């Protein structure tokens, strides 16, 4: 297969597996998505989805959020981890949204990145999922899979994002980044990986990745 054919195979398989794409983090508007994505750093979506309803019952907009103290926010979100940093970020960005943007979340990645606690990946998720602006946020699943599939060198997430944007059509970015995340979780995880269930890697995977997998499996027998 040529590189283009491999890319097309991956796209087609993902579209067949995920014609309707579940959104990982529950939210109702750009602000609640922004807060949820910030909370998800080094945590799981399941855990975040358990905690956001408790936080949003108290404050689901920046005006209500700033009436809570950083300590109150921290107490609510403690189960998701890194709560000291995340609570400061949530309170700080809420204040800035009020002061600079009339309480609205900006649609520009660069402006989002200026907010406390908001990095490039968080900003990319927000513009993609809240506003439908093409972006390709790279998480650990996407980083792992694009390396396994031979689509990226895997050196760092910045390079992986550049490679993804170069390989995949822009109009598919928003769907694809979610489809790859779900595929990574269900069929190509970091641990407990079963290549028999992973049709994409099995079909187009990087040779050294496949060789290492088979060698490891053989050694365990």
Protein backbone atom coordinates (compact mmCIF):
# COMPACT_ATOMS: atom_id res chain seq x y z
CA UNK A 1 0.00 0.00 0.00
CA UNK A 2 1.11 3.55 -0.70
CA UNK A 3 1.02 6.13 2.12
CA UNK A 4 -2.10 7.67 0.54
CA UNK A 5 -3.82 4.27 0.42
CA UNK A 6 -2.93 3.62 4.06
CA UNK A 7 -4.39 6.99 5.06
CA UNK A 8 -7.56 6.22 3.11
CA UNK A 9 -7.84 2.77 4.72
CA UNK A 10 -7.56 4.30 8.20
CA UNK A 11 -10.17 6.98 7.42
CA UNK A 12 -12.60 4.47 5.91
CA UNK A 13 -12.24 1.99 8.79
CA UNK A 14 -12.75 4.72 11.41
CA UNK A 15 -15.84 6.03 9.61
CA UNK A 16 -17.32 2.52 9.47
CA UNK A 17 -16.63 1.91 13.17
CA UNK A 18 -17.77 5.34 14.36
CA UNK A 19 -20.43 6.74 11.98
CA UNK A 20 -21.86 8.56 15.00
CA UNK A 21 -19.12 9.88 17.24
CA UNK A 22 -19.73 10.12 20.98
CA UNK A 23 -18.30 13.27 22.58
CA UNK A 24 -15.99 12.17 25.42
CA UNK A 25 -16.63 15.06 27.84
CA UNK A 26 -20.17 16.03 28.75
CA UNK A 27 -20.88 19.74 28.35
CA UNK A 28 -23.65 22.10 27.26
CA UNK A 29 -21.77 25.10 25.87
CA UNK A 30 -18.24 26.38 25.11
CA UNK A 31 -17.61 27.44 28.72
CA UNK A 32 -18.54 24.11 30.31
CA UNK A 33 -16.48 22.32 27.63
CA UNK A 34 -13.47 24.55 28.35
CA UNK A 35 -13.66 23.80 32.07
CA UNK A 36 -14.18 20.06 31.47
CA UNK A 37 -11.20 19.82 29.11
CA UNK A 38 -9.00 21.71 31.57
CA UNK A 39 -10.06 19.27 34.29
CA UNK A 40 -9.30 16.24 32.10
CA UNK A 41 -5.51 16.75 32.11
CA UNK A 42 -3.90 13.58 33.51
CA UNK A 43 -7.33 12.29 34.47
CA UNK A 44 -9.97 10.14 32.76
CA UNK A 45 -13.07 11.37 30.94
CA UNK A 46 -15.18 9.06 33.11
CA UNK A 47 -13.87 10.68 36.29
CA UNK A 48 -14.32 14.20 34.89
CA UNK A 49 -17.89 13.41 33.80
CA UNK A 50 -18.63 12.31 37.37
CA UNK A 51 -17.34 15.57 38.86
CA UNK A 52 -18.42 18.27 36.38
CA UNK A 53 -22.15 17.95 37.27
CA UNK A 54 -21.24 18.72 40.91
CA UNK A 55 -19.20 21.77 39.88
CA UNK A 56 -21.71 23.01 37.30
CA UNK A 57 -24.57 22.68 39.79
CA UNK A 58 -22.76 25.42 41.72
CA UNK A 59 -21.42 27.38 38.75
CA UNK A 60 -21.87 26.69 35.04
CA UNK A 61 -20.83 30.12 33.77
CA UNK A 62 -17.89 32.46 34.51
CA UNK A 63 -20.01 34.94 36.51
CA UNK A 64 -21.11 32.27 39.00
CA UNK A 65 -17.67 30.62 39.00
CA UNK A 66 -15.87 33.73 40.25
CA UNK A 67 -18.26 33.92 43.22
CA UNK A 68 -16.68 30.66 44.40
CA UNK A 69 -13.24 30.79 45.99
CA UNK A 70 -10.32 28.84 44.53
CA UNK A 71 -10.50 26.65 47.65
CA UNK A 72 -14.20 25.89 47.09
CA UNK A 73 -13.54 24.91 43.47
CA UNK A 74 -10.59 22.79 44.55
CA UNK A 75 -12.68 20.92 47.10
CA UNK A 76 -15.27 19.99 44.46
CA UNK A 77 -12.81 18.92 41.75
CA UNK A 78 -10.29 17.16 44.03
CA UNK A 79 -11.13 13.63 42.73
CA UNK A 80 -9.88 14.49 39.20
CA UNK A 81 -6.34 15.17 40.47
CA UNK A 82 -4.02 18.19 40.18
CA UNK A 83 -6.79 20.18 41.89
CA UNK A 84 -4.58 23.04 43.20
CA UNK A 85 -3.46 23.97 39.69
CA UNK A 86 -6.81 23.26 38.00
CA UNK A 87 -8.89 25.23 40.52
CA UNK A 88 -6.64 28.28 40.06
CA UNK A 89 -6.94 27.90 36.29
CA UNK A 90 -10.75 27.63 36.34
CA UNK A 91 -11.13 30.64 38.63
CA UNK A 92 -8.53 32.69 36.74
CA UNK A 93 -9.85 32.03 33.26
CA UNK A 94 -13.41 32.77 34.42
CA UNK A 95 -12.30 36.18 35.69
CA UNK A 96 -10.49 36.96 32.42
CA UNK A 97 -13.49 35.86 30.32
CA UNK A 98 -15.61 38.37 32.23
CA UNK A 99 -13.04 41.17 32.06
CA UNK A 100 -11.96 40.76 28.43
CA UNK A 101 -14.67 38.86 26.58
CA UNK A 102 -18.02 39.75 28.21
CA UNK A 103 -18.18 36.25 29.69
CA UNK A 104 -17.90 34.55 26.30
CA UNK A 105 -15.29 31.96 25.30
CA UNK A 106 -13.18 33.26 22.38
CA UNK A 107 -13.08 31.19 19.20
CA UNK A 108 -9.40 31.86 18.52
CA UNK A 109 -6.83 29.25 19.58
CA UNK A 110 -4.18 31.89 20.31
CA UNK A 111 -6.56 33.83 22.59
CA UNK A 112 -7.62 30.64 24.38
CA UNK A 113 -3.97 29.73 24.98
CA UNK A 114 -3.52 33.00 26.87
CA UNK A 115 -6.02 31.86 29.52
CA UNK A 116 -4.66 30.33 32.75
CA UNK A 117 -4.44 26.55 32.66
CA UNK A 118 -5.23 26.38 28.94
CA UNK A 119 -2.61 24.79 26.69
CA UNK A 120 -2.61 24.15 22.96
CA UNK A 121 -4.45 20.83 23.19
CA UNK A 122 -7.22 22.25 25.38
CA UNK A 123 -7.63 25.26 23.07
CA UNK A 124 -7.76 22.96 20.02
CA UNK A 125 -10.45 20.75 21.59
CA UNK A 126 -12.59 23.79 22.41
CA UNK A 127 -12.47 25.38 18.94
CA UNK A 128 -13.07 21.98 17.34
CA UNK A 129 -15.91 20.65 19.51
CA UNK A 130 -17.56 23.89 20.63
CA UNK A 131 -17.27 25.96 17.45
CA UNK A 132 -16.71 23.43 14.65
CA UNK A 133 -13.45 25.11 13.60
CA UNK A 134 -11.03 22.57 12.08
CA UNK A 135 -8.34 21.56 14.58
CA UNK A 136 -6.46 18.37 15.39
CA UNK A 137 -5.89 18.09 19.15
CA UNK A 138 -3.35 15.34 19.84
CA UNK A 139 -3.75 13.29 23.00
CA UNK A 140 -1.79 10.20 24.06
CA UNK A 141 -4.02 7.87 22.01
CA UNK A 142 -3.57 9.84 18.78
CA UNK A 143 0.16 10.21 19.43
CA UNK A 144 0.49 6.44 19.96
CA UNK A 145 -1.65 5.40 16.98
CA UNK A 146 -0.14 7.72 14.39
CA UNK A 147 3.24 6.27 15.32
CA UNK A 148 1.94 2.69 15.19
CA UNK A 149 0.39 3.37 11.79
CA UNK A 150 3.61 4.88 10.44
CA UNK A 151 1.99 8.29 9.93
CA UNK A 152 4.27 10.17 12.34
CA UNK A 153 7.74 9.80 13.84
CA UNK A 154 6.30 9.91 17.35
CA UNK A 155 9.02 12.30 18.54
CA UNK A 156 6.53 14.67 20.21
CA UNK A 157 2.89 15.74 20.06
CA UNK A 158 3.77 18.93 18.15
CA UNK A 159 5.25 16.88 15.31
CA UNK A 160 2.36 14.40 15.45
CA UNK A 161 -0.15 17.25 15.06
CA UNK A 162 1.75 18.66 12.05
CA UNK A 163 1.86 15.22 10.42
CA UNK A 164 -1.85 14.60 11.07
CA UNK A 165 -2.81 17.95 9.53
CA UNK A 166 -0.63 17.25 6.51
CA UNK A 167 -2.00 13.74 5.92
CA UNK A 168 -5.70 14.09 6.62
CA UNK A 169 -8.18 16.33 4.77
CA UNK A 170 -9.02 19.45 6.79
CA UNK A 171 -12.77 18.86 6.60
CA UNK A 172 -12.29 15.54 8.44
CA UNK A 173 -10.03 16.76 11.27
CA UNK A 174 -12.77 17.35 13.84
CA UNK A 175 -14.31 13.92 13.36
CA UNK A 176 -11.04 12.07 12.92
CA UNK A 177 -9.38 13.21 16.11
CA UNK A 178 -12.35 11.86 18.10
CA UNK A 179 -12.61 8.66 16.04
CA UNK A 180 -8.90 7.92 16.60
CA UNK A 181 -9.27 8.53 20.35
CA UNK A 182 -12.16 6.07 20.59
CA UNK A 183 -10.32 3.55 18.39
CA UNK A 184 -7.21 3.82 20.56
CA UNK A 185 -9.21 3.16 23.70
CA UNK A 186 -11.18 0.24 22.29
CA UNK A 187 -8.85 -1.49 19.82
CA UNK A 188 -5.29 -0.23 20.20
CA UNK A 189 -4.56 0.59 23.84
CA UNK A 190 -1.10 1.10 25.34
CA UNK A 191 -1.62 -1.81 27.75
CA UNK A 192 -3.30 -5.12 27.07
CA UNK A 193 -2.99 -4.57 23.34
CA UNK A 194 -4.34 -7.40 21.20
CA UNK A 195 -3.29 -6.98 17.58
CA UNK A 196 -5.97 -9.43 16.44
CA UNK A 197 -8.61 -6.86 17.44
CA UNK A 198 -6.65 -3.94 15.96
CA UNK A 199 -7.45 -4.15 12.24
CA UNK A 200 -5.86 -0.83 11.29
CA UNK A 201 -2.45 -1.50 12.86
CA UNK A 202 -2.56 -5.12 11.70
CA UNK A 203 -3.17 -3.98 8.12
CA UNK A 204 -1.02 -0.85 7.73
CA UNK A 205 1.15 -0.75 10.88
CA UNK A 206 4.79 0.28 11.01
CA UNK A 207 6.95 -2.82 10.41
CA UNK A 208 9.10 -2.41 13.51
CA UNK A 209 5.98 -1.99 15.68
CA UNK A 210 4.51 -5.23 14.31
CA UNK A 211 7.84 -7.08 14.62
CA UNK A 212 8.25 -5.95 18.22
CA UNK A 213 4.69 -7.03 19.02
CA UNK A 214 5.21 -10.53 17.59
CA UNK A 215 8.62 -10.93 19.26
CA UNK A 216 7.19 -9.92 22.63
CA UNK A 217 4.26 -12.27 22.21
CA UNK A 218 6.55 -15.14 21.23
CA UNK A 219 8.83 -14.50 24.22
CA UNK A 220 5.86 -14.73 26.60
CA UNK A 221 4.84 -18.17 25.36
